[in-house]
PDB file of N, CA and C in Angstrom:
ATOM      1  N   MET A   1     -24.799 -15.562  26.020  1.00  0.00           N
ATOM      2  CA  MET A   1     -24.737 -15.519  24.153  1.00  0.00           C
ATOM      3  C   MET A   1     -23.723 -14.356  24.062  1.00  0.00           C
ATOM      4  N   ASP A   2     -22.138 -15.540  23.084  1.00  0.00           N
ATOM      5  CA  ASP A   2     -21.351 -14.332  23.233  1.00  0.00           C
ATOM      6  C   ASP A   2     -21.696 -13.587  21.386  1.00  0.00           C
ATOM      7  N   LEU A   3     -21.366 -12.467  21.715  1.00  0.00           N
ATOM      8  CA  LEU A   3     -21.181 -11.339  20.870  1.00  0.00           C
ATOM      9  C   LEU A   3     -20.220 -11.255  19.289  1.00  0.00           C
ATOM     10  N   TYR A   4     -20.132 -11.261  18.677  1.00  0.00           N
ATOM     11  CA  TYR A   4     -18.857 -10.735  17.671  1.00  0.00           C
ATOM     12  C   TYR A   4     -18.555  -9.312  17.512  1.00  0.00           C
ATOM     13  N   GLU A   5     -17.042  -9.693  17.741  1.00  0.00           N
ATOM     14  CA  GLU A   5     -16.720  -8.160  18.121  1.00  0.00           C
ATOM     15  C   GLU A   5     -15.822  -7.889  17.120  1.00  0.00           C
ATOM     16  N   GLY A   6     -16.463  -8.630  16.485  1.00  0.00           N
ATOM     17  CA  GLY A   6     -15.118  -8.723  14.735  1.00  0.00           C
ATOM     18  C   GLY A   6     -15.537  -7.408  14.117  1.00  0.00           C
ATOM     19  N   PRO A   7     -15.193  -7.696  12.761  1.00  0.00           N
ATOM     20  CA  PRO A   7     -14.352  -8.219  12.246  1.00  0.00           C
ATOM     21  C   PRO A   7     -12.741  -7.584  12.603  1.00  0.00           C
ATOM     22  N   TRP A   8     -11.548  -8.406  12.709  1.00  0.00           N
ATOM     23  CA  TRP A   8     -10.679  -7.816  13.121  1.00  0.00           C
ATOM     24  C   TRP A   8      -9.640  -8.241  12.164  1.00  0.00           C
ATOM     25  N   GLY A   9      -8.256  -6.837  11.990  1.00  0.00           N
ATOM     26  CA  GLY A   9      -7.526  -6.824  11.027  1.00  0.00           C
ATOM     27  C   GLY A   9      -5.932  -7.170  12.064  1.00  0.00           C
ATOM     28  N   ALA A  10      -5.409  -7.821  11.187  1.00  0.00           N
ATOM     29  CA  ALA A  10      -4.342  -8.539  11.939  1.00  0.00           C
ATOM     30  C   ALA A  10      -3.291  -7.225  12.613  1.00  0.00           C
ATOM     31  N   SER A  11      -2.605  -7.182  13.782  1.00  0.00           N
ATOM     32  CA  SER A  11      -1.947  -6.603  15.266  1.00  0.00           C
ATOM     33  C   SER A  11      -1.152  -6.424  14.022  1.00  0.00           C
ATOM     34  N   ARG A  12      -0.214  -5.592  14.844  1.00  0.00           N
ATOM     35  CA  ARG A  12       1.795  -5.843  13.855  1.00  0.00           C
ATOM     36  C   ARG A  12       2.131  -7.626  14.745  1.00  0.00           C
ATOM     37  N   ARG A  13       1.875  -7.508  15.812  1.00  0.00           N
ATOM     38  CA  ARG A  13       2.407  -9.428  16.415  1.00  0.00           C
ATOM     39  C   ARG A  13       1.600 -10.408  15.267  1.00  0.00           C
ATOM     40  N   ASN A  14       0.469  -9.966  15.320  1.00  0.00           N
ATOM     41  CA  ASN A  14       0.000 -11.387  14.314  1.00  0.00           C
ATOM     42  C   ASN A  14       1.100 -11.526  12.765  1.00  0.00           C
ATOM     43  N   ILE A  15       1.004 -10.471  12.652  1.00  0.00           N
ATOM     44  CA  ILE A  15       1.789 -10.086  11.203  1.00  0.00           C
ATOM     45  C   ILE A  15       3.048 -10.985  11.093  1.00  0.00           C
ATOM     46  N   ALA A  16       3.393 -10.155  12.179  1.00  0.00           N
ATOM     47  CA  ALA A  16       5.091 -11.330  12.749  1.00  0.00           C
ATOM     48  C   ALA A  16       5.258 -12.637  12.941  1.00  0.00           C
ATOM     49  N   SER A  17       4.068 -13.025  13.668  1.00  0.00           N
ATOM     50  CA  SER A  17       4.021 -14.174  14.009  1.00  0.00           C
ATOM     51  C   SER A  17       3.383 -14.892  12.219  1.00  0.00           C
ATOM     52  N   PHE A  18       2.759 -14.311  11.336  1.00  0.00           N
ATOM     53  CA  PHE A  18       2.401 -14.983  10.203  1.00  0.00           C
ATOM     54  C   PHE A  18       3.146 -15.434   8.883  1.00  0.00           C
ATOM     55  N   TRP A  19       4.444 -13.829   9.538  1.00  0.00           N
ATOM     56  CA  TRP A  19       5.512 -13.747   8.549  1.00  0.00           C
ATOM     57  C   TRP A  19       6.298 -14.886   8.772  1.00  0.00           C
ATOM     58  N   ALA A  20       6.376 -15.233  10.013  1.00  0.00           N
ATOM     59  CA  ALA A  20       7.622 -16.209  10.847  1.00  0.00           C
ATOM     60  C   ALA A  20       7.123 -17.202  10.408  1.00  0.00           C
ATOM     61  N   ALA A  21       5.825 -17.677  10.644  1.00  0.00           N
ATOM     62  CA  ALA A  21       5.203 -18.927  10.738  1.00  0.00           C
ATOM     63  C   ALA A  21       5.799 -19.578   8.749  1.00  0.00           C
ATOM     64  N   ARG A  22       5.412 -18.537   8.174  1.00  0.00           N
ATOM     65  CA  ARG A  22       5.528 -18.448   6.165  1.00  0.00           C
ATOM     66  C   ARG A  22       7.137 -19.014   5.889  1.00  0.00           C
ATOM     67  N   HIS A  23       8.102 -18.666   6.617  1.00  0.00           N
ATOM     68  CA  HIS A  23       9.301 -18.960   6.117  1.00  0.00           C
ATOM     69  C   HIS A  23      10.196 -19.752   7.118  1.00  0.00           C
ATOM     70  N   LEU A  24       9.589 -20.108   8.212  1.00  0.00           N
ATOM     71  CA  LEU A  24      10.284 -21.685   9.177  1.00  0.00           C
ATOM     72  C   LEU A  24       8.912 -22.500   8.935  1.00  0.00           C
ATOM     73  N   GLY A  25       8.261 -22.535   7.773  1.00  0.00           N
ATOM     74  CA  GLY A  25       7.787 -23.917   7.506  1.00  0.00           C
ATOM     75  C   GLY A  25       6.685 -24.015   8.328  1.00  0.00           C
ATOM     76  N   LEU A  26       6.169 -23.644   8.881  1.00  0.00           N
ATOM     77  CA  LEU A  26       4.966 -23.817  10.034  1.00  0.00           C
ATOM     78  C   LEU A  26       3.683 -23.617   9.715  1.00  0.00           C
ATOM     79  N   LEU A  27       3.359 -23.116   8.646  1.00  0.00           N
ATOM     80  CA  LEU A  27       1.907 -22.288   8.375  1.00  0.00           C
ATOM     81  C   LEU A  27       1.102 -23.432   9.026  1.00  0.00           C
ATOM     82  N   ARG A  28       0.923 -24.999   8.395  1.00  0.00           N
ATOM     83  CA  ARG A  28       0.264 -25.797   8.830  1.00  0.00           C
ATOM     84  C   ARG A  28      -0.200 -25.978  10.225  1.00  0.00           C
ATOM     85  N   PHE A  29       0.750 -25.435  11.097  1.00  0.00           N
ATOM     86  CA  PHE A  29       0.286 -26.025  12.707  1.00  0.00           C
ATOM     87  C   PHE A  29      -0.166 -24.241  12.904  1.00  0.00           C
ATOM     88  N   TYR A  30       0.052 -23.001  11.936  1.00  0.00           N
ATOM     89  CA  TYR A  30      -0.800 -21.656  12.333  1.00  0.00           C
ATOM     90  C   TYR A  30      -1.945 -21.107  12.284  1.00  0.00           C
ATOM     91  N   ASN A  31      -2.921 -20.483  13.601  1.00  0.00           N
ATOM     92  CA  ASN A  31      -4.402 -20.948  13.724  1.00  0.00           C
ATOM     93  C   ASN A  31      -4.077 -19.410  13.934  1.00  0.00           C
ATOM     94  N   PRO A  32      -4.947 -18.656  12.628  1.00  0.00           N
ATOM     95  CA  PRO A  32      -5.303 -17.045  13.141  1.00  0.00           C
ATOM     96  C   PRO A  32      -6.115 -16.734  13.620  1.00  0.00           C
ATOM     97  N   THR A  33      -6.010 -15.591  14.779  1.00  0.00           N
ATOM     98  CA  THR A  33      -6.932 -14.999  15.122  1.00  0.00           C
ATOM     99  C   THR A  33      -7.302 -13.871  15.226  1.00  0.00           C
ATOM    100  N   PHE A  34      -6.975 -13.250  13.466  1.00  0.00           N
ATOM    101  CA  PHE A  34      -7.725 -12.442  13.193  1.00  0.00           C
ATOM    102  C   PHE A  34      -8.384 -12.593  11.773  1.00  0.00           C
ATOM    103  N   ASP A  35      -8.958 -11.573  11.235  1.00  0.00           N
ATOM    104  CA  ASP A  35      -9.761 -11.801  10.006  1.00  0.00           C
ATOM    105  C   ASP A  35      -9.402 -11.113   8.572  1.00  0.00           C
ATOM    106  N   ALA A  36      -8.332 -10.484   8.769  1.00  0.00           N
ATOM    107  CA  ALA A  36      -7.484 -10.180   7.592  1.00  0.00           C
ATOM    108  C   ALA A  36      -6.132  -9.641   8.061  1.00  0.00           C
ATOM    109  N   LEU A  37      -5.626  -9.908   6.650  1.00  0.00           N
ATOM    110  CA  LEU A  37      -4.261  -8.981   6.316  1.00  0.00           C
ATOM    111  C   LEU A  37      -4.326  -7.673   6.600  1.00  0.00           C
ATOM    112  N   GLN A  38      -4.559  -6.957   7.152  1.00  0.00           N
ATOM    113  CA  GLN A  38      -3.705  -5.642   6.711  1.00  0.00           C
ATOM    114  C   GLN A  38      -2.274  -4.794   6.438  1.00  0.00           C
ATOM    115  N   VAL A  39      -2.258  -5.104   5.049  1.00  0.00           N
ATOM    116  CA  VAL A  39      -0.454  -4.857   5.555  1.00  0.00           C
ATOM    117  C   VAL A  39       0.022  -3.922   4.307  1.00  0.00           C
ATOM    118  N   PRO A  40       0.725  -3.078   4.589  1.00  0.00           N
ATOM    119  CA  PRO A  40       1.329  -2.246   3.989  1.00  0.00           C
ATOM    120  C   PRO A  40       2.791  -3.220   2.625  1.00  0.00           C
ATOM    121  N   GLU A  41       2.420  -3.073   1.795  1.00  0.00           N
ATOM    122  CA  GLU A  41       3.392  -3.374   0.692  1.00  0.00           C
ATOM    123  C   GLU A  41       4.833  -3.771   0.731  1.00  0.00           C
ATOM    124  N   ILE A  42       4.799  -2.094   1.520  1.00  0.00           N
ATOM    125  CA  ILE A  42       6.438  -2.262   1.782  1.00  0.00           C
ATOM    126  C   ILE A  42       6.685  -1.784   3.449  1.00  0.00           C
ATOM    127  N   TRP A  43       7.593  -2.178   4.052  1.00  0.00           N
ATOM    128  CA  TRP A  43       7.586  -2.112   5.233  1.00  0.00           C
ATOM    129  C   TRP A  43       8.977  -1.997   5.964  1.00  0.00           C
ATOM    130  N   ASN A  44       9.346  -0.267   5.834  1.00  0.00           N
ATOM    131  CA  ASN A  44      10.698  -0.308   6.167  1.00  0.00           C
ATOM    132  C   ASN A  44      11.613  -0.868   5.489  1.00  0.00           C
ATOM    133  N   GLY A  45      11.837  -0.848   4.228  1.00  0.00           N
ATOM    134  CA  GLY A  45      12.152  -1.120   3.354  1.00  0.00           C
ATOM    135  C   GLY A  45      12.524  -3.413   3.181  1.00  0.00           C
ATOM    136  N   LEU A  46      11.108  -3.703   4.075  1.00  0.00           N
ATOM    137  CA  LEU A  46      10.693  -5.181   3.491  1.00  0.00           C
ATOM    138  C   LEU A  46       9.810  -5.716   2.664  1.00  0.00           C
ATOM    139  N   ARG A  47       9.513  -6.061   1.601  1.00  0.00           N
ATOM    140  CA  ARG A  47       8.527  -5.841   1.074  1.00  0.00           C
ATOM    141  C   ARG A  47       7.625  -6.806   2.113  1.00  0.00           C
ATOM    142  N   VAL A  48       6.480  -6.954   2.592  1.00  0.00           N
ATOM    143  CA  VAL A  48       5.688  -7.597   2.753  1.00  0.00           C
ATOM    144  C   VAL A  48       4.510  -8.575   2.119  1.00  0.00           C
ATOM    145  N   VAL A  49       4.461  -7.338   0.588  1.00  0.00           N
ATOM    146  CA  VAL A  49       3.664  -8.235   0.393  1.00  0.00           C
ATOM    147  C   VAL A  49       3.945  -8.672  -1.514  1.00  0.00           C
ATOM    148  N   THR A  50       3.652  -9.782  -1.684  1.00  0.00           N
ATOM    149  CA  THR A  50       4.357 -10.724  -2.628  1.00  0.00           C
ATOM    150  C   THR A  50       3.716 -11.187  -3.294  1.00  0.00           C
ATOM    151  N   PRO A  51       3.097 -12.430  -4.243  1.00  0.00           N
ATOM    152  CA  PRO A  51       2.514 -13.190  -4.400  1.00  0.00           C
ATOM    153  C   PRO A  51       1.871 -14.706  -3.681  1.00  0.00           C
ATOM    154  N   ASP A  52       3.348 -15.294  -3.615  1.00  0.00           N
ATOM    155  CA  ASP A  52       3.653 -16.483  -2.338  1.00  0.00           C
ATOM    156  C   ASP A  52       3.076 -15.802  -0.808  1.00  0.00           C
ATOM    157  N   PHE A  53       3.002 -14.356  -0.269  1.00  0.00           N
ATOM    158  CA  PHE A  53       2.377 -14.197   0.683  1.00  0.00           C
ATOM    159  C   PHE A  53       0.932 -14.142   0.476  1.00  0.00           C
ATOM    160  N   VAL A  54       0.018 -13.943  -0.543  1.00  0.00           N
ATOM    161  CA  VAL A  54      -1.246 -13.663  -0.901  1.00  0.00           C
ATOM    162  C   VAL A  54      -1.096 -15.732  -1.082  1.00  0.00           C
ATOM    163  N   ARG A  55      -0.597 -15.896  -1.372  1.00  0.00           N
ATOM    164  CA  ARG A  55      -1.188 -17.549  -1.786  1.00  0.00           C
ATOM    165  C   ARG A  55      -1.388 -17.814  -0.253  1.00  0.00           C
ATOM    166  N   ASP A  56      -0.235 -17.984   0.380  1.00  0.00           N
ATOM    167  CA  ASP A  56      -0.557 -18.873   1.628  1.00  0.00           C
ATOM    168  C   ASP A  56      -1.460 -17.977   3.209  1.00  0.00           C
ATOM    169  N   ALA A  57      -1.453 -17.234   2.511  1.00  0.00           N
ATOM    170  CA  ALA A  57      -2.904 -16.123   3.060  1.00  0.00           C
ATOM    171  C   ALA A  57      -4.140 -16.878   3.039  1.00  0.00           C
ATOM    172  N   HIS A  58      -3.967 -17.243   1.504  1.00  0.00           N
ATOM    173  CA  HIS A  58      -5.682 -17.428   1.128  1.00  0.00           C
ATOM    174  C   HIS A  58      -5.416 -19.413   1.576  1.00  0.00           C
ATOM    175  N   ASP A  59      -4.514 -19.877   1.386  1.00  0.00           N
ATOM    176  CA  ASP A  59      -3.970 -21.610   1.573  1.00  0.00           C
ATOM    177  C   ASP A  59      -4.981 -21.480   3.261  1.00  0.00           C
ATOM    178  N   LEU A  60      -4.980 -20.122   4.261  1.00  0.00           N
ATOM    179  CA  LEU A  60      -5.768 -19.915   5.676  1.00  0.00           C
ATOM    180  C   LEU A  60      -6.758 -19.404   5.435  1.00  0.00           C
ATOM    181  N   ASN A  61      -7.017 -19.837   4.323  1.00  0.00           N
ATOM    182  CA  ASN A  61      -9.036 -18.360   4.273  1.00  0.00           C
ATOM    183  C   ASN A  61      -8.869 -17.267   4.866  1.00  0.00           C
ATOM    184  N   ILE A  62      -7.381 -16.303   4.528  1.00  0.00           N
ATOM    185  CA  ILE A  62      -7.291 -15.199   5.475  1.00  0.00           C
ATOM    186  C   ILE A  62      -7.082 -14.222   3.776  1.00  0.00           C
ATOM    187  N   PRO A  63      -8.463 -13.279   4.118  1.00  0.00           N
ATOM    188  CA  PRO A  63      -8.324 -11.882   3.007  1.00  0.00           C
ATOM    189  C   PRO A  63      -6.844 -11.516   3.257  1.00  0.00           C
ATOM    190  N   VAL A  64      -5.913 -10.778   1.982  1.00  0.00           N
ATOM    191  CA  VAL A  64      -4.570  -9.427   2.154  1.00  0.00           C
ATOM    192  C   VAL A  64      -5.491  -8.165   1.676  1.00  0.00           C
ATOM    193  N   HIS A  65      -5.868  -7.352   2.348  1.00  0.00           N
ATOM    194  CA  HIS A  65      -5.540  -6.076   2.267  1.00  0.00           C
ATOM    195  C   HIS A  65      -4.125  -5.045   1.932  1.00  0.00           C
ATOM    196  N   VAL A  66      -4.360  -4.421   1.042  1.00  0.00           N
ATOM    197  CA  VAL A  66      -2.836  -3.674   0.971  1.00  0.00           C
ATOM    198  C   VAL A  66      -3.470  -2.112   1.218  1.00  0.00           C
ATOM    199  N   TRP A  67      -2.293  -1.484   1.918  1.00  0.00           N
ATOM    200  CA  TRP A  67      -2.801  -0.307   2.051  1.00  0.00           C
ATOM    201  C   TRP A  67      -1.512   0.534   1.332  1.00  0.00           C
ATOM    202  N   VAL A  68      -0.990   2.010   1.590  1.00  0.00           N
ATOM    203  CA  VAL A  68      -1.362   2.822   1.029  1.00  0.00           C
ATOM    204  C   VAL A  68      -1.348   2.554  -1.154  1.00  0.00           C
ATOM    205  N   VAL A  69      -2.356   1.719  -1.588  1.00  0.00           N
ATOM    206  CA  VAL A  69      -1.653   2.072  -3.293  1.00  0.00           C
ATOM    207  C   VAL A  69      -2.639   2.890  -4.104  1.00  0.00           C
ATOM    208  N   ASP A  70      -1.195   4.072  -4.595  1.00  0.00           N
ATOM    209  CA  ASP A  70      -1.577   5.508  -5.048  1.00  0.00           C
ATOM    210  C   ASP A  70      -1.625   5.096  -6.750  1.00  0.00           C
ATOM    211  N   GLU A  71      -0.566   4.403  -7.184  1.00  0.00           N
ATOM    212  CA  GLU A  71      -0.077   4.230  -8.720  1.00  0.00           C
ATOM    213  C   GLU A  71      -0.534   3.074  -9.196  1.00  0.00           C
ATOM    214  N   GLU A  72      -1.070   3.123 -10.996  1.00  0.00           N
ATOM    215  CA  GLU A  72      -1.466   2.757 -10.958  1.00  0.00           C
ATOM    216  C   GLU A  72      -1.323   0.820 -12.126  1.00  0.00           C
ATOM    217  N   LYS A  73       0.000   1.085 -12.010  1.00  0.00           N
ATOM    218  CA  LYS A  73       0.963   0.062 -12.251  1.00  0.00           C
ATOM    219  C   LYS A  73       1.207  -1.461 -10.925  1.00  0.00           C
ATOM    220  N   ASP A  74       1.236  -0.490  -9.872  1.00  0.00           N
ATOM    221  CA  ASP A  74       1.096  -0.841  -8.579  1.00  0.00           C
ATOM    222  C   ASP A  74      -0.008  -1.826  -7.958  1.00  0.00           C
ATOM    223  N   ILE A  75      -1.311  -1.245  -8.804  1.00  0.00           N
ATOM    224  CA  ILE A  75      -2.688  -1.424  -8.177  1.00  0.00           C
ATOM    225  C   ILE A  75      -2.921  -3.016  -9.337  1.00  0.00           C
ATOM    226  N   ARG A  76      -2.361  -2.097 -10.690  1.00  0.00           N
ATOM    227  CA  ARG A  76      -2.631  -3.650 -11.638  1.00  0.00           C
ATOM    228  C   ARG A  76      -1.926  -5.210 -10.800  1.00  0.00           C
ATOM    229  N   ARG A  77      -0.679  -4.949 -10.257  1.00  0.00           N
ATOM    230  CA  ARG A  77       0.473  -5.702  -9.889  1.00  0.00           C
ATOM    231  C   ARG A  77      -0.570  -6.447  -9.030  1.00  0.00           C
ATOM    232  N   LEU A  78      -0.816  -5.943  -7.840  1.00  0.00           N
ATOM    233  CA  LEU A  78      -1.181  -6.374  -6.669  1.00  0.00           C
ATOM    234  C   LEU A  78      -3.155  -7.065  -6.754  1.00  0.00           C
ATOM    235  N   LEU A  79      -3.476  -6.702  -8.242  1.00  0.00           N
ATOM    236  CA  LEU A  79      -4.694  -7.218  -7.861  1.00  0.00           C
ATOM    237  C   LEU A  79      -4.611  -8.906  -8.886  1.00  0.00           C
ATOM    238  N   SER A  80      -3.002  -8.342 -10.121  1.00  0.00           N
ATOM    239  CA  SER A  80      -2.964  -9.675 -10.774  1.00  0.00           C
ATOM    240  C   SER A  80      -2.261 -10.651  -9.458  1.00  0.00           C
ATOM    241  N   TRP A  81      -1.358 -10.438  -8.264  1.00  0.00           N
ATOM    242  CA  TRP A  81      -1.018 -10.986  -7.683  1.00  0.00           C
ATOM    243  C   TRP A  81      -2.851 -11.971  -6.749  1.00  0.00           C
ATOM    244  N   GLY A  82      -3.635 -11.174  -6.490  1.00  0.00           N
ATOM    245  CA  GLY A  82      -4.874 -12.183  -6.256  1.00  0.00           C
ATOM    246  C   GLY A  82      -5.106 -10.925  -4.701  1.00  0.00           C
ATOM    247  N   VAL A  83      -5.145 -10.252  -3.869  1.00  0.00           N
ATOM    248  CA  VAL A  83      -5.554  -9.554  -2.965  1.00  0.00           C
ATOM    249  C   VAL A  83      -6.544  -8.676  -3.316  1.00  0.00           C
ATOM    250  N   ASP A  84      -7.439  -8.863  -2.098  1.00  0.00           N
ATOM    251  CA  ASP A  84      -8.723  -8.971  -1.970  1.00  0.00           C
ATOM    252  C   ASP A  84      -9.387  -7.446  -1.881  1.00  0.00           C
ATOM    253  N   GLY A  85      -8.239  -6.857  -1.515  1.00  0.00           N
ATOM    254  CA  GLY A  85      -8.388  -5.335  -1.313  1.00  0.00           C
ATOM    255  C   GLY A  85      -7.774  -4.610  -1.680  1.00  0.00           C
ATOM    256  N   ILE A  86      -7.929  -3.851  -2.004  1.00  0.00           N
ATOM    257  CA  ILE A  86      -6.751  -2.351  -1.745  1.00  0.00           C
ATOM    258  C   ILE A  86      -7.271  -0.930  -1.251  1.00  0.00           C
ATOM    259  N   GLN A  87      -6.287  -0.526  -0.572  1.00  0.00           N
ATOM    260  CA  GLN A  87      -6.648   1.012   0.015  1.00  0.00           C
ATOM    261  C   GLN A  87      -5.500   2.097  -0.443  1.00  0.00           C
ATOM    262  N   SER A  88      -6.616   3.174  -1.115  1.00  0.00           N
ATOM    263  CA  SER A  88      -5.715   3.927  -1.702  1.00  0.00           C
ATOM    264  C   SER A  88      -6.458   5.393  -1.614  1.00  0.00           C
ATOM    265  N   ASP A  89      -5.192   6.133  -1.724  1.00  0.00           N
ATOM    266  CA  ASP A  89      -5.801   7.673  -1.672  1.00  0.00           C
ATOM    267  C   ASP A  89      -6.096   8.776  -3.327  1.00  0.00           C
ATOM    268  N   ARG A  90      -6.050   7.561  -4.053  1.00  0.00           N
ATOM    269  CA  ARG A  90      -6.170   7.978  -5.708  1.00  0.00           C
ATOM    270  C   ARG A  90      -7.353   7.574  -5.813  1.00  0.00           C
ATOM    271  N   LEU A  91      -8.531   7.959  -5.291  1.00  0.00           N
ATOM    272  CA  LEU A  91      -9.867   7.207  -5.823  1.00  0.00           C
ATOM    273  C   LEU A  91     -10.006   6.610  -7.148  1.00  0.00           C
ATOM    274  N   ASP A  92      -9.763   7.984  -7.713  1.00  0.00           N
ATOM    275  CA  ASP A  92     -10.080   8.087  -9.029  1.00  0.00           C
ATOM    276  C   ASP A  92      -9.482   6.918 -10.422  1.00  0.00           C
ATOM    277  N   ILE A  93      -8.025   7.147  -9.739  1.00  0.00           N
ATOM    278  CA  ILE A  93      -7.261   5.290 -10.335  1.00  0.00           C
ATOM    279  C   ILE A  93      -7.880   4.479  -9.804  1.00  0.00           C
ATOM    280  N   LEU A  94      -7.865   3.945  -8.835  1.00  0.00           N
ATOM    281  CA  LEU A  94      -8.288   2.649  -8.086  1.00  0.00           C
ATOM    282  C   LEU A  94      -9.649   2.571  -8.963  1.00  0.00           C
ATOM    283  N   TYR A  95     -10.358   3.449  -8.976  1.00  0.00           N
ATOM    284  CA  TYR A  95     -11.983   3.064  -9.838  1.00  0.00           C
ATOM    285  C   TYR A  95     -11.714   2.851 -11.439  1.00  0.00           C
ATOM    286  N   LYS A  96     -10.640   3.738 -11.921  1.00  0.00           N
ATOM    287  CA  LYS A  96     -10.103   3.151 -13.342  1.00  0.00           C
ATOM    288  C   LYS A  96     -10.336   1.744 -13.649  1.00  0.00           C
ATOM    289  N   VAL A  97      -8.592   1.210 -12.444  1.00  0.00           N
ATOM    290  CA  VAL A  97      -8.068   0.111 -12.731  1.00  0.00           C
ATOM    291  C   VAL A  97      -9.466  -1.091 -12.378  1.00  0.00           C
ATOM    292  N   LEU A  98     -10.363  -0.523 -11.340  1.00  0.00           N
ATOM    293  CA  LEU A  98     -10.879  -2.054 -10.940  1.00  0.00           C
ATOM    294  C   LEU A  98     -12.627  -1.906 -12.445  1.00  0.00           C
ATOM    295  N   GLU A  99     -12.757  -0.630 -12.765  1.00  0.00           N
ATOM    296  CA  GLU A  99     -13.648  -1.065 -14.337  1.00  0.00           C
ATOM    297  C   GLU A  99     -13.165  -1.560 -15.104  1.00  0.00           C
ATOM    298  N   ASP A 100     -11.867  -1.339 -15.400  1.00  0.00           N
ATOM    299  CA  ASP A 100     -10.613  -2.491 -16.905  1.00  0.00           C
ATOM    300  C   ASP A 100     -11.079  -3.103 -16.537  1.00  0.00           C
ATOM    301  N   VAL A 101     -10.477  -3.364 -15.461  1.00  0.00           N
ATOM    302  CA  VAL A 101     -10.207  -5.178 -14.869  1.00  0.00           C
ATOM    303  C   VAL A 101     -11.522  -5.448 -14.847  1.00  0.00           C
ATOM    304  N   HIS A 102     -12.421  -5.225 -14.262  1.00  0.00           N
ATOM    305  CA  HIS A 102     -13.835  -5.774 -14.570  1.00  0.00           C
ATOM    306  C   HIS A 102     -14.671  -6.026 -15.559  1.00  0.00           C
ATOM    307  N   SER A 103     -14.466  -5.602 -16.852  1.00  0.00           N
ATOM    308  CA  SER A 103     -14.828  -5.180 -18.347  1.00  0.00           C
ATOM    309  C   SER A 103     -14.303  -5.907 -18.568  1.00  0.00           C
ATOM    310  N   LYS A 104     -12.510  -6.681 -18.304  1.00  0.00           N
ATOM    311  CA  LYS A 104     -11.912  -7.314 -19.072  1.00  0.00           C
ATOM    312  C   LYS A 104     -12.558  -8.991 -18.575  1.00  0.00           C
ATOM    313  N   ARG A 105     -12.869  -9.397 -17.537  1.00  0.00           N
ATOM    314  CA  ARG A 105     -12.527 -10.564 -17.019  1.00  0.00           C
ATOM    315  C   ARG A 105     -14.207 -10.180 -17.409  1.00  0.00           C
ATOM    316  N   PHE A 106     -15.402  -9.430 -17.913  1.00  0.00           N
ATOM    317  CA  PHE A 106     -16.753  -9.956 -17.492  1.00  0.00           C
ATOM    318  C   PHE A 106     -16.826 -10.358 -19.182  1.00  0.00           C
ATOM    319  N   SER A 107     -15.779  -9.527 -19.612  1.00  0.00           N
ATOM    320  CA  SER A 107     -16.191 -10.199 -21.368  1.00  0.00           C
ATOM    321  C   SER A 107     -15.343 -11.067 -21.702  1.00  0.00           C
ATOM    322  N   HIS A 108     -13.969 -11.563 -20.853  1.00  0.00           N
ATOM    323  CA  HIS A 108     -13.863 -13.278 -21.056  1.00  0.00           C
ATOM    324  C   HIS A 108     -14.444 -14.594 -21.212  1.00  0.00           C
ATOM    325  N   ALA A 109     -15.509 -14.254 -19.820  1.00  0.00           N
ATOM    326  CA  ALA A 109     -16.325 -15.387 -19.654  1.00  0.00           C
ATOM    327  C   ALA A 109     -17.638 -14.998 -20.166  1.00  0.00           C
ATOM    328  N   MET A 110     -17.415 -14.125 -21.067  1.00  0.00           N
ATOM    329  CA  MET A 110     -18.878 -14.770 -22.705  1.00  0.00           C
ATOM    330  C   MET A 110     -17.910 -15.597 -23.458  1.00  0.00           C
TER     331      MET A 110
END
């Protein structure tokens, strides 16, 4: 019996191959070997996370977790793009935003 050893976050190589497949139009052939893309919003001056990045990952059922996001405006923007997780050193700000977003979604559903 094989035991599940995950979950696995994407390695740098996995992230690079996902990014390349996106930009080369090869996502339909892409077969991820990880459970989530856990990425910085910007890396070495290059924007990693965009609305299209999130959409393409979600099209392949890959959750997107972004780190480290400490500014309220950035947290709100990333949530509006549909990211699945945010890692922050400012849990007070993250909590406030999540509470606000959740209450707005709940009030619209009624």
